[in-house]
Protein backbone atom coordinates (compact mmCIF):
# COMPACT_ATOMS: atom_id res chain seq x y z
CA UNK A 1 44.96 -11.69 -128.05
CA UNK A 2 44.08 -9.50 -131.05
CA UNK A 3 41.23 -7.97 -129.05
CA UNK A 4 43.60 -7.13 -126.20
CA UNK A 5 46.08 -5.61 -128.66
CA UNK A 6 43.31 -3.47 -130.15
CA UNK A 7 42.25 -2.26 -126.70
CA UNK A 8 45.82 -1.33 -125.80
CA UNK A 9 46.34 0.48 -129.10
CA UNK A 10 43.07 2.39 -128.71
CA UNK A 11 44.03 3.35 -125.15
CA UNK A 12 47.40 4.64 -126.27
CA UNK A 13 45.79 6.68 -129.03
CA UNK A 14 43.30 8.08 -126.58
CA UNK A 15 46.10 9.11 -124.20
CA UNK A 16 48.00 10.68 -127.09
CA UNK A 17 44.95 12.68 -128.12
CA UNK A 18 44.62 14.00 -124.57
CA UNK A 19 47.90 15.88 -125.16
CA UNK A 20 47.27 16.97 -128.73
CA UNK A 21 45.50 19.86 -130.35
CA UNK A 22 42.49 17.58 -130.80
CA UNK A 23 41.58 17.92 -127.11
CA UNK A 24 38.20 19.06 -126.01
CA UNK A 25 38.36 21.68 -123.28
CA UNK A 26 37.08 19.11 -120.77
CA UNK A 27 40.27 17.09 -121.25
CA UNK A 28 42.74 19.96 -121.17
CA UNK A 29 45.04 19.85 -118.14
CA UNK A 30 46.00 23.37 -117.09
CA UNK A 31 48.46 22.05 -114.51
CA UNK A 32 50.28 20.13 -117.25
CA UNK A 33 50.40 23.35 -119.27
CA UNK A 34 51.85 25.20 -116.27
CA UNK A 35 54.42 22.46 -115.71
CA UNK A 36 55.58 22.61 -119.32
CA UNK A 37 55.74 26.39 -119.33
CA UNK A 38 57.68 26.45 -116.05
CA UNK A 39 60.22 23.81 -117.02
CA UNK A 40 60.56 24.69 -120.71
CA UNK A 41 60.22 28.49 -120.70
CA UNK A 42 60.41 30.21 -117.32
CA UNK A 43 63.29 28.41 -115.61
CA UNK A 44 65.50 28.12 -118.75
CA UNK A 45 65.15 31.86 -119.45
CA UNK A 46 66.14 32.71 -115.88
CA UNK A 47 69.08 30.28 -115.97
CA UNK A 48 70.29 31.91 -119.20
CA UNK A 49 70.09 35.33 -117.56
CA UNK A 50 72.09 34.14 -114.55
CA UNK A 51 74.77 32.71 -116.84
CA UNK A 52 74.91 35.97 -118.79
CA UNK A 53 75.17 38.00 -115.58
CA UNK A 54 78.05 35.89 -114.34
CA UNK A 55 79.87 36.23 -117.67
CA UNK A 56 79.31 39.98 -117.54
CA UNK A 57 80.69 40.27 -114.00
CA UNK A 58 83.78 38.32 -115.04
CA UNK A 59 84.25 40.70 -118.00
CA UNK A 60 83.98 43.67 -115.63
CA UNK A 61 86.60 42.21 -113.29
CA UNK A 62 88.89 41.55 -116.24
CA UNK A 63 88.45 45.10 -117.43
CA UNK A 64 89.11 46.65 -114.02
CA UNK A 65 92.23 44.50 -113.61
CA UNK A 66 93.42 45.55 -117.05
CA UNK A 67 91.57 48.71 -118.18
CA UNK A 68 92.13 48.77 -121.92
CA UNK A 69 89.72 49.82 -124.64
CA UNK A 70 89.66 46.25 -125.96
CA UNK A 71 88.60 44.91 -122.55
CA UNK A 72 86.07 47.73 -122.27
CA UNK A 73 84.60 46.67 -125.61
CA UNK A 74 84.28 43.10 -124.33
CA UNK A 75 82.51 44.38 -121.20
CA UNK A 76 80.17 46.46 -123.33
CA UNK A 77 79.29 43.47 -125.50
CA UNK A 78 78.66 41.35 -122.41
CA UNK A 79 76.35 44.05 -121.04
CA UNK A 80 74.27 43.94 -124.23
CA UNK A 81 74.05 40.14 -124.10
CA UNK A 82 73.00 40.32 -120.44
CA UNK A 83 70.35 42.95 -121.11
CA UNK A 84 68.88 40.83 -123.91
CA UNK A 85 68.97 37.72 -121.73
CA UNK A 86 67.15 39.65 -119.01
CA UNK A 87 64.54 40.82 -121.50
CA UNK A 88 63.70 37.18 -122.22
CA UNK A 89 62.76 36.78 -118.53
CA UNK A 90 60.54 39.85 -118.25
CA UNK A 91 57.55 38.09 -119.81
CA UNK A 92 57.60 35.97 -116.64
CA UNK A 93 57.47 39.00 -114.33
CA UNK A 94 54.84 37.35 -112.15
CA UNK A 95 54.10 35.75 -108.81
CA UNK A 96 56.62 35.82 -105.98
CA UNK A 97 59.31 37.56 -108.04
CA UNK A 98 56.92 40.39 -108.82
CA UNK A 99 55.79 40.60 -105.19
CA UNK A 100 59.43 40.97 -104.14
CA UNK A 101 60.10 43.66 -106.82
CA UNK A 102 62.98 41.64 -108.25
CA UNK A 103 62.54 42.84 -111.82
CA UNK A 104 62.30 46.48 -110.77
CA UNK A 105 65.63 46.09 -109.00
CA UNK A 106 67.25 44.58 -112.10
CA UNK A 107 66.27 47.06 -114.82
CA UNK A 108 64.44 50.33 -114.32
CA UNK A 109 65.03 53.15 -116.77
CA UNK A 110 65.57 56.00 -117.70
CA UNK A 111 68.97 56.21 -116.08
CA UNK A 112 69.52 58.52 -113.09
CA UNK A 113 72.79 59.95 -114.39
CA UNK A 114 72.93 62.86 -111.96
CA UNK A 115 72.50 60.61 -108.94
CA UNK A 116 75.23 58.23 -110.13
CA UNK A 117 77.74 61.04 -110.65
CA UNK A 118 76.84 62.55 -107.29
CA UNK A 119 77.31 59.25 -105.47
CA UNK A 120 80.74 58.78 -107.04
CA UNK A 121 82.00 62.33 -106.52
CA UNK A 122 80.46 63.13 -103.12
CA UNK A 123 81.64 60.06 -101.20
CA UNK A 124 85.16 59.33 -100.04
CA UNK A 125 84.68 55.57 -100.26
CA UNK A 126 82.62 53.41 -102.60
CA UNK A 127 82.25 50.04 -100.92
CA UNK A 128 79.62 47.36 -100.32
CA UNK A 129 78.24 49.15 -97.27
CA UNK A 130 77.71 52.34 -99.24
CA UNK A 131 76.22 50.59 -102.27
CA UNK A 132 73.69 48.88 -100.00
CA UNK A 133 72.28 52.31 -99.09
CA UNK A 134 71.50 53.56 -102.60
CA UNK A 135 68.47 52.83 -104.77
CA UNK A 136 68.42 49.86 -107.13
CA UNK A 137 67.91 52.15 -110.12
CA UNK A 138 71.33 53.71 -109.48
CA UNK A 139 73.18 50.37 -109.65
CA UNK A 140 71.15 48.11 -111.95
CA UNK A 141 71.39 47.42 -115.68
CA UNK A 142 70.43 50.99 -116.63
CA UNK A 143 73.07 52.49 -114.33
CA UNK A 144 75.76 50.12 -115.57
CA UNK A 145 74.88 50.98 -119.16
CA UNK A 146 75.42 54.66 -118.39
CA UNK A 147 78.83 53.98 -116.84
CA UNK A 148 79.96 51.89 -119.81
CA UNK A 149 78.37 53.67 -122.77
CA UNK A 150 77.72 57.35 -121.98
CA UNK A 151 80.98 58.44 -123.61
CA UNK A 152 83.14 57.06 -126.42
CA UNK A 153 85.47 54.18 -125.60
CA UNK A 154 88.62 56.24 -125.15
CA UNK A 155 86.97 58.81 -122.86
CA UNK A 156 85.19 56.11 -120.85
CA UNK A 157 88.39 54.13 -120.43
CA UNK A 158 90.27 57.19 -119.22
CA UNK A 159 87.55 58.05 -116.71
CA UNK A 160 87.84 54.59 -115.15
CA UNK A 161 91.65 54.67 -115.12
CA UNK A 162 91.59 58.06 -113.39
CA UNK A 163 89.02 57.15 -110.72
CA UNK A 164 89.24 54.21 -108.31
CA UNK A 165 85.82 55.17 -106.97
CA UNK A 166 84.33 54.90 -110.46
CA UNK A 167 85.92 51.48 -110.91
CA UNK A 168 84.57 50.35 -107.53
CA UNK A 169 81.11 51.64 -108.39
CA UNK A 170 81.13 49.67 -111.65
CA UNK A 171 82.44 46.50 -110.01
CA UNK A 172 79.97 46.58 -107.14
CA UNK A 173 77.07 47.34 -109.49
CA UNK A 174 77.97 44.29 -111.58
CA UNK A 175 78.07 42.19 -108.39
CA UNK A 176 74.67 43.58 -107.39
CA UNK A 177 73.24 42.64 -110.79
CA UNK A 178 74.51 39.08 -110.41
CA UNK A 179 73.01 38.87 -106.92
CA UNK A 180 69.62 39.98 -108.26
CA UNK A 181 69.78 37.44 -111.09
CA UNK A 182 70.62 34.68 -108.63
CA UNK A 183 67.82 35.83 -106.32
CA UNK A 184 65.36 35.53 -109.21
CA UNK A 185 66.71 32.04 -109.90
CA UNK A 186 66.42 31.10 -106.21
CA UNK A 187 62.76 32.13 -106.09
CA UNK A 188 61.83 29.61 -108.79
CA UNK A 189 64.38 26.89 -108.01
CA UNK A 190 63.38 23.65 -106.29
CA UNK A 191 66.50 24.07 -104.13
CA UNK A 192 65.49 27.62 -103.17
CA UNK A 193 62.09 29.13 -102.44
CA UNK A 194 60.59 26.62 -104.88
CA UNK A 195 57.92 28.94 -106.23
CA UNK A 196 57.88 26.70 -109.32
CA UNK A 197 56.08 23.97 -107.40
CA UNK A 198 53.62 26.45 -105.91
CA UNK A 199 53.00 27.92 -109.35
CA UNK A 200 52.40 24.55 -111.03
CA UNK A 201 50.15 23.13 -108.32
CA UNK A 202 47.99 26.19 -107.71
CA UNK A 203 44.26 25.36 -107.84
CA UNK A 204 43.17 29.01 -107.81
CA UNK A 205 41.29 29.74 -111.04
CA UNK A 206 40.69 33.43 -110.26
CA UNK A 207 42.78 36.54 -110.63
CA UNK A 208 45.57 35.09 -108.46
CA UNK A 209 45.56 31.78 -110.32
CA UNK A 210 48.85 30.74 -111.88
CA UNK A 211 47.60 30.67 -115.45
CA UNK A 212 45.94 34.07 -115.05
CA UNK A 213 49.25 35.43 -113.77
CA UNK A 214 51.21 33.81 -116.60
CA UNK A 215 48.88 35.26 -119.19
CA UNK A 216 49.10 38.69 -117.58
CA UNK A 217 52.88 38.40 -117.78
CA UNK A 218 52.61 38.00 -121.55
CA UNK A 219 50.22 40.94 -121.85
CA UNK A 220 52.33 43.07 -119.52
CA UNK A 221 55.51 42.46 -121.53
CA UNK A 222 53.71 43.32 -124.74
CA UNK A 223 52.09 46.44 -123.30
CA UNK A 224 55.37 47.72 -121.85
CA UNK A 225 57.04 47.17 -125.22
CA UNK A 226 54.31 49.04 -127.08
CA UNK A 227 53.86 51.84 -124.56
CA UNK A 228 57.21 52.44 -122.88
CA UNK A 229 59.85 51.08 -125.25
CA UNK A 230 58.33 52.44 -128.46
CA UNK A 231 55.33 54.73 -127.86
CA UNK A 232 56.62 57.19 -125.27
CA UNK A 233 59.98 57.96 -126.94
CA UNK A 234 58.18 58.45 -130.28
CA UNK A 235 55.51 60.75 -128.85
CA UNK A 236 52.73 58.24 -129.50
CA UNK A 237 51.47 57.73 -125.93
CA UNK A 238 49.56 60.59 -124.23
CA UNK A 239 52.04 63.11 -125.61
CA UNK A 240 53.22 64.13 -129.06
CA UNK A 241 56.62 65.16 -127.75
CA UNK A 242 59.38 63.00 -129.22
CA UNK A 243 62.12 62.23 -126.69
CA UNK A 244 64.83 59.81 -127.87
CA UNK A 245 66.35 59.70 -124.37
CA UNK A 246 63.27 57.79 -123.17
CA UNK A 247 64.22 54.79 -125.28
CA UNK A 248 65.41 51.80 -123.33
CA UNK A 249 69.19 51.29 -123.53
CA UNK A 250 69.61 54.77 -125.02
CA UNK A 251 73.38 55.02 -124.49
CA UNK A 252 74.25 51.61 -125.92
CA UNK A 253 71.71 51.87 -128.77
CA UNK A 254 70.44 48.40 -127.87
CA UNK A 255 66.81 49.53 -127.84
CA UNK A 256 65.73 47.82 -131.04
CA UNK A 257 67.37 44.53 -130.03
CA UNK A 258 65.50 44.63 -126.73
CA UNK A 259 62.18 45.19 -128.50
CA UNK A 260 63.00 42.23 -130.73
CA UNK A 261 63.84 40.10 -127.68
CA UNK A 262 60.59 41.13 -126.00
CA UNK A 263 58.46 40.03 -128.95
CA UNK A 264 60.41 36.79 -129.27
CA UNK A 265 59.72 36.07 -125.61
CA UNK A 266 56.00 36.79 -126.09
CA UNK A 267 55.98 34.40 -129.04
CA UNK A 268 57.69 31.56 -127.17
CA UNK A 269 55.61 32.16 -124.03
CA UNK A 270 52.42 31.76 -126.07
CA UNK A 271 53.33 28.97 -128.48
CA UNK A 272 55.93 27.00 -126.43
CA UNK A 273 57.38 24.87 -129.20
CA UNK A 274 58.96 22.61 -126.55
CA UNK A 275 55.63 21.33 -125.23
CA UNK A 276 52.08 22.43 -124.39
CA UNK A 277 51.48 26.13 -124.93
CA UNK A 278 48.75 28.72 -124.52
CA UNK A 279 47.92 28.16 -128.18
CA UNK A 280 46.99 24.56 -127.32
CA UNK A 281 44.69 25.81 -124.57
CA UNK A 282 42.97 28.16 -127.04
CA UNK A 283 42.61 25.35 -129.58
CA UNK A 284 41.09 23.04 -126.97
CA UNK A 285 38.26 25.55 -126.59
CA UNK A 286 37.79 26.86 -130.13
CA UNK A 287 38.76 23.73 -132.09
CA UNK A 288 40.22 26.03 -134.75
CA UNK A 289 43.64 27.58 -135.39
CA UNK A 290 42.18 30.88 -136.62
CA UNK A 291 43.10 32.95 -133.56
CA UNK A 292 46.50 31.33 -133.11
CA UNK A 293 47.22 31.97 -136.79
CA UNK A 294 46.17 35.60 -136.40
CA UNK A 295 48.58 36.02 -133.48
CA UNK A 296 51.46 34.41 -135.37
CA UNK A 297 50.76 36.54 -138.44
CA UNK A 298 50.73 39.72 -136.36
CA UNK A 299 54.00 38.75 -134.66
CA UNK A 300 55.53 38.20 -138.10
CA UNK A 301 54.32 41.64 -139.16
CA UNK A 302 56.04 43.13 -136.12
CA UNK A 303 59.31 41.46 -137.10
CA UNK A 304 58.95 42.95 -140.59
CA UNK A 305 58.28 46.39 -139.09
CA UNK A 306 61.37 46.05 -136.88
CA UNK A 307 63.55 45.01 -139.80
CA UNK A 308 62.35 48.04 -141.75
CA UNK A 309 64.03 50.24 -139.12
CA UNK A 310 67.70 50.10 -140.09
CA UNK A 311 69.06 52.67 -137.64
CA UNK A 312 69.05 52.65 -133.81
CA UNK A 313 65.57 53.14 -132.36
CA UNK A 314 66.57 56.30 -130.49
CA UNK A 315 67.48 57.84 -133.85
CA UNK A 316 64.52 56.35 -135.71
CA UNK A 317 61.93 58.02 -133.45
CA UNK A 318 62.99 61.27 -135.12
CA UNK A 319 64.47 60.31 -138.48
CA UNK A 320 62.10 57.43 -139.40
CA UNK A 321 59.07 58.38 -137.35
CA UNK A 322 56.63 56.86 -139.85
CA UNK A 323 58.35 53.46 -139.53
CA UNK A 324 58.28 53.66 -135.74
CA UNK A 325 54.62 54.63 -135.85
CA UNK A 326 53.92 51.57 -138.02
CA UNK A 327 55.74 49.37 -135.48
CA UNK A 328 53.74 50.94 -132.67
CA UNK A 329 50.45 50.30 -134.52
CA UNK A 330 51.28 46.65 -135.10
CA UNK A 331 52.27 46.20 -131.46
CA UNK A 332 48.90 47.65 -130.45
CA UNK A 333 47.08 45.33 -132.84
CA UNK A 334 48.80 42.33 -131.26
CA UNK A 335 48.07 43.65 -127.77
CA UNK A 336 44.37 43.92 -128.64
CA UNK A 337 44.33 40.28 -129.77
CA UNK A 338 45.66 39.32 -126.35
CA UNK A 339 43.58 41.82 -124.36
CA UNK A 340 40.27 41.09 -126.10
CA UNK A 341 40.10 37.97 -128.26
CA UNK A 342 42.27 35.49 -126.36
CA UNK A 343 41.33 36.94 -122.97
CA UNK A 344 37.66 36.38 -123.72
CA UNK A 345 38.13 32.78 -124.80
CA UNK A 346 40.25 31.88 -121.77
CA UNK A 347 38.19 33.95 -119.28
CA UNK A 348 41.27 35.91 -118.16
CA UNK A 349 41.21 39.04 -116.00
CA UNK A 350 43.78 41.59 -117.23
CA UNK A 351 45.41 43.30 -114.26
CA UNK A 352 47.47 46.50 -113.98
CA UNK A 353 50.34 46.80 -116.43
CA UNK A 354 53.77 48.19 -115.51
CA UNK A 355 54.52 50.83 -118.15
CA UNK A 356 57.23 52.89 -116.45
CA UNK A 357 60.19 50.68 -117.36
CA UNK A 358 61.10 47.06 -116.74
């Protein structure tokens, strides 16, 4: 009986070790990693975005029904929460959602202000049929931000009170945003297109393999943050011209919060504190925490650099350029860790990065 007990105990310990950082690479289950990442990171982030989008649309309806500056302020706050919730999904801009250009239809900046004003002024009726004919960029998060934040609260409120077409444009844009969020959710959902199951069960180990795509999503989010959110507005990417209007969420001055959200999403996508993460995969090969520690330390340095910027990012690119340059440098150092060190260990192929907006 004691011998049987020992065998059972040893077997349990062996099974436990198969899911711990003491794994050898031979015992590491990539499909288990993908399942954890899908259920603990990807789907929850998308669900949170859908919830935020619905709350935002309700706030817009409440504002249109009762257009006061206090209701406008609530709508503005809900927009910021929705934009941040969306940012937490962008690290998972991969697979079927990417193929269907869902993320591009949700948030693509800079804002096309002239087109929005033309659509509102040059059409007798703003309805669903008309909105279906215009580009996503003119009715997505960036467009809605312009409508809500381009002027001060009193002026913005008056412009909506005075124009039914402007109110309709805002309302239908909010509905479009919700529809895009729900489409993203449907792609991954087991009750929808069920890409989650396809993603988890993929046996392709090449460039189209699920883990390769997931890793590229992390690198893409980081590269877009470094290049487009910080570098281009600050004149640090292929041009020395500083242009604050290139910052994401320029009108609402939410740019810094979105950079913060992007780095937080990279951190959780890599470490996955809820289960098995990419860091566990790296450890299974290297049998050391050195690289994972280097990544965590660099992420912490980025948070410090962000906290050092105490004014909106669109102002800091001019007034605190040295601090923005330091942030940009630290983002590049983290990107190199992903693009060179981790990529080499995991035999990843880095594919094209989207650096023209989310």
